[in-house]
């Protein structure tokens, strides 16, 4: 089974939007374990949700099946 990170953004100029996290090549980022995906999601949540952010970000590890 493969795992990915579901990204949700609300606020800012674009309103609500959601999609799978992409890699540098533009393909969906895949992880071998849910723990790896969750670790990256936790890091993204901490990095993106700072005091000066104009939007709210939510990253969630999920099975991609």
N, C-alpha and C. Protein backbone atom coordinates (compact mmCIF):
# COMPACT_ATOMS: atom_id res chain seq x y z
N UNK A 1 0.85 -1.18 0.00
CA UNK A 1 0.00 0.00 0.00
C UNK A 1 0.89 1.23 0.00
N UNK A 2 0.44 2.27 -0.70
CA UNK A 2 1.17 3.53 -0.75
C UNK A 2 0.42 4.58 0.08
N UNK A 3 1.17 5.57 0.52
CA UNK A 3 0.60 6.63 1.34
C UNK A 3 1.00 7.97 0.74
N UNK A 4 0.14 8.96 0.95
CA UNK A 4 0.41 10.30 0.47
C UNK A 4 -0.02 11.31 1.52
N UNK A 5 0.09 12.57 1.16
CA UNK A 5 -0.30 13.65 2.07
C UNK A 5 -1.38 14.48 1.39
N UNK A 6 -2.55 14.55 2.02
CA UNK A 6 -3.65 15.35 1.53
C UNK A 6 -3.48 16.76 2.09
N UNK A 7 -3.47 17.75 1.20
CA UNK A 7 -3.23 19.14 1.58
C UNK A 7 -4.52 19.94 1.45
N UNK A 8 -4.84 20.68 2.50
CA UNK A 8 -6.00 21.56 2.47
C UNK A 8 -5.54 22.96 2.86
N UNK A 9 -6.00 23.95 2.11
CA UNK A 9 -5.66 25.33 2.38
C UNK A 9 -6.95 26.13 2.41
N UNK A 10 -7.10 26.96 3.43
CA UNK A 10 -8.27 27.84 3.48
C UNK A 10 -7.81 29.24 3.83
N UNK A 11 -8.53 30.21 3.32
CA UNK A 11 -8.17 31.60 3.54
C UNK A 11 -7.28 32.12 2.43
N UNK A 12 -6.70 33.26 2.67
CA UNK A 12 -5.88 33.88 1.64
C UNK A 12 -6.74 34.38 0.50
N UNK A 13 -6.17 34.62 -0.63
CA UNK A 13 -6.90 35.17 -1.78
C UNK A 13 -7.68 34.12 -2.56
N UNK A 14 -7.33 32.85 -2.42
CA UNK A 14 -7.94 31.80 -3.25
C UNK A 14 -9.05 31.04 -2.54
N UNK A 15 -9.30 31.28 -1.26
CA UNK A 15 -10.33 30.53 -0.55
C UNK A 15 -9.88 29.11 -0.26
N UNK A 16 -10.84 28.19 -0.20
CA UNK A 16 -10.54 26.80 0.12
C UNK A 16 -10.09 26.05 -1.13
N UNK A 17 -9.07 25.21 -0.96
CA UNK A 17 -8.63 24.30 -2.02
C UNK A 17 -7.96 23.11 -1.38
N UNK A 18 -7.92 21.98 -2.11
CA UNK A 18 -7.33 20.76 -1.58
C UNK A 18 -6.77 19.92 -2.72
N UNK A 19 -5.69 19.20 -2.44
CA UNK A 19 -5.05 18.33 -3.43
C UNK A 19 -4.00 17.48 -2.74
N UNK A 20 -3.52 16.47 -3.46
CA UNK A 20 -2.41 15.65 -2.96
C UNK A 20 -1.11 16.44 -3.06
N UNK A 21 -0.23 16.27 -2.10
CA UNK A 21 1.10 16.88 -2.12
C UNK A 21 1.86 16.34 -3.33
N UNK A 22 2.54 17.22 -4.05
CA UNK A 22 3.30 16.82 -5.23
C UNK A 22 4.80 16.82 -4.90
N UNK A 23 5.55 16.01 -5.64
CA UNK A 23 7.00 15.98 -5.51
C UNK A 23 7.60 17.09 -6.38
N UNK A 24 8.91 17.19 -6.41
CA UNK A 24 9.58 18.20 -7.22
C UNK A 24 9.32 18.00 -8.70
N UNK A 25 9.00 16.78 -9.12
CA UNK A 25 8.76 16.48 -10.53
C UNK A 25 7.31 16.72 -10.94
N UNK A 26 6.46 17.11 -9.99
CA UNK A 26 5.07 17.37 -10.29
C UNK A 26 4.16 16.16 -10.12
N UNK A 27 4.72 15.01 -9.76
CA UNK A 27 3.94 13.80 -9.53
C UNK A 27 3.51 13.77 -8.06
N UNK A 28 2.47 12.99 -7.77
CA UNK A 28 2.03 12.87 -6.38
C UNK A 28 3.17 12.28 -5.55
N UNK A 29 3.45 12.91 -4.40
CA UNK A 29 4.48 12.41 -3.49
C UNK A 29 3.96 11.16 -2.79
N UNK A 30 4.68 10.05 -2.90
CA UNK A 30 4.29 8.79 -2.28
C UNK A 30 5.28 8.40 -1.20
N UNK A 31 4.77 7.75 -0.17
CA UNK A 31 5.58 7.29 0.96
C UNK A 31 5.29 5.81 1.16
N UNK A 32 6.30 5.07 1.60
CA UNK A 32 6.16 3.62 1.79
C UNK A 32 5.38 3.27 3.05
N UNK A 33 5.47 4.13 4.07
CA UNK A 33 4.78 3.84 5.33
C UNK A 33 3.95 5.05 5.76
N UNK A 34 2.92 4.77 6.52
CA UNK A 34 2.09 5.85 7.06
C UNK A 34 2.90 6.72 8.01
N UNK A 35 3.86 6.11 8.70
CA UNK A 35 4.70 6.87 9.63
C UNK A 35 5.56 7.90 8.89
N UNK A 36 6.10 7.51 7.73
CA UNK A 36 6.90 8.46 6.93
C UNK A 36 6.03 9.61 6.44
N UNK A 37 4.85 9.28 5.95
CA UNK A 37 3.93 10.31 5.47
C UNK A 37 3.51 11.23 6.61
N UNK A 38 3.21 10.67 7.77
CA UNK A 38 2.77 11.47 8.91
C UNK A 38 3.89 12.38 9.41
N UNK A 39 5.12 11.88 9.41
CA UNK A 39 6.25 12.69 9.83
C UNK A 39 6.41 13.91 8.93
N UNK A 40 6.30 13.70 7.61
CA UNK A 40 6.41 14.82 6.66
C UNK A 40 5.22 15.76 6.81
N UNK A 41 4.03 15.23 7.01
CA UNK A 41 2.84 16.06 7.21
C UNK A 41 3.00 16.93 8.47
N UNK A 42 3.50 16.34 9.54
CA UNK A 42 3.72 17.10 10.78
C UNK A 42 4.70 18.24 10.55
N UNK A 43 5.76 17.97 9.78
CA UNK A 43 6.76 18.99 9.49
C UNK A 43 6.15 20.13 8.66
N UNK A 44 5.37 19.78 7.65
CA UNK A 44 4.71 20.79 6.82
C UNK A 44 3.72 21.63 7.62
N UNK A 45 2.95 20.99 8.51
CA UNK A 45 2.01 21.73 9.36
C UNK A 45 2.75 22.75 10.22
N UNK A 46 3.87 22.34 10.79
CA UNK A 46 4.65 23.25 11.64
C UNK A 46 5.27 24.38 10.82
N UNK A 47 5.78 24.07 9.62
CA UNK A 47 6.44 25.08 8.79
C UNK A 47 5.46 26.09 8.21
N UNK A 48 4.30 25.65 7.79
CA UNK A 48 3.39 26.52 7.04
C UNK A 48 2.44 27.32 7.91
N UNK A 49 2.13 26.85 9.10
CA UNK A 49 1.18 27.54 9.97
C UNK A 49 1.92 28.41 10.99
N UNK A 50 2.46 29.50 10.52
CA UNK A 50 3.20 30.41 11.39
C UNK A 50 2.39 31.70 11.59
N UNK A 51 2.86 32.55 12.46
CA UNK A 51 2.11 33.75 12.84
C UNK A 51 1.83 34.69 11.67
N UNK A 52 2.68 34.71 10.65
CA UNK A 52 2.50 35.64 9.53
C UNK A 52 1.79 35.00 8.34
N UNK A 53 1.37 33.76 8.46
CA UNK A 53 0.68 33.08 7.36
C UNK A 53 -0.67 33.76 7.09
N UNK A 54 -0.99 33.95 5.82
CA UNK A 54 -2.26 34.58 5.45
C UNK A 54 -3.34 33.55 5.17
N UNK A 55 -2.98 32.28 5.23
CA UNK A 55 -3.93 31.19 5.02
C UNK A 55 -3.67 30.11 6.07
N UNK A 56 -4.62 29.22 6.21
CA UNK A 56 -4.47 28.10 7.15
C UNK A 56 -4.22 26.83 6.35
N UNK A 57 -3.18 26.08 6.73
CA UNK A 57 -2.78 24.88 6.02
C UNK A 57 -3.02 23.65 6.90
N UNK A 58 -3.48 22.57 6.27
CA UNK A 58 -3.67 21.31 6.99
C UNK A 58 -3.16 20.18 6.12
N UNK A 59 -2.19 19.44 6.63
CA UNK A 59 -1.60 18.31 5.92
C UNK A 59 -1.92 17.03 6.69
N UNK A 60 -2.47 16.03 5.99
CA UNK A 60 -2.91 14.80 6.61
C UNK A 60 -2.37 13.60 5.83
N UNK A 61 -1.74 12.66 6.53
CA UNK A 61 -1.27 11.43 5.90
C UNK A 61 -2.47 10.50 5.66
N UNK A 62 -2.54 9.95 4.42
CA UNK A 62 -3.64 9.06 4.05
C UNK A 62 -3.15 7.97 3.12
N UNK A 63 -3.85 6.85 3.13
CA UNK A 63 -3.59 5.80 2.13
C UNK A 63 -4.08 6.31 0.78
N UNK A 64 -3.33 6.03 -0.28
CA UNK A 64 -3.69 6.52 -1.60
C UNK A 64 -4.43 5.50 -2.45
N UNK A 65 -4.41 4.25 -2.07
CA UNK A 65 -4.99 3.15 -2.85
C UNK A 65 -5.63 3.62 -4.04
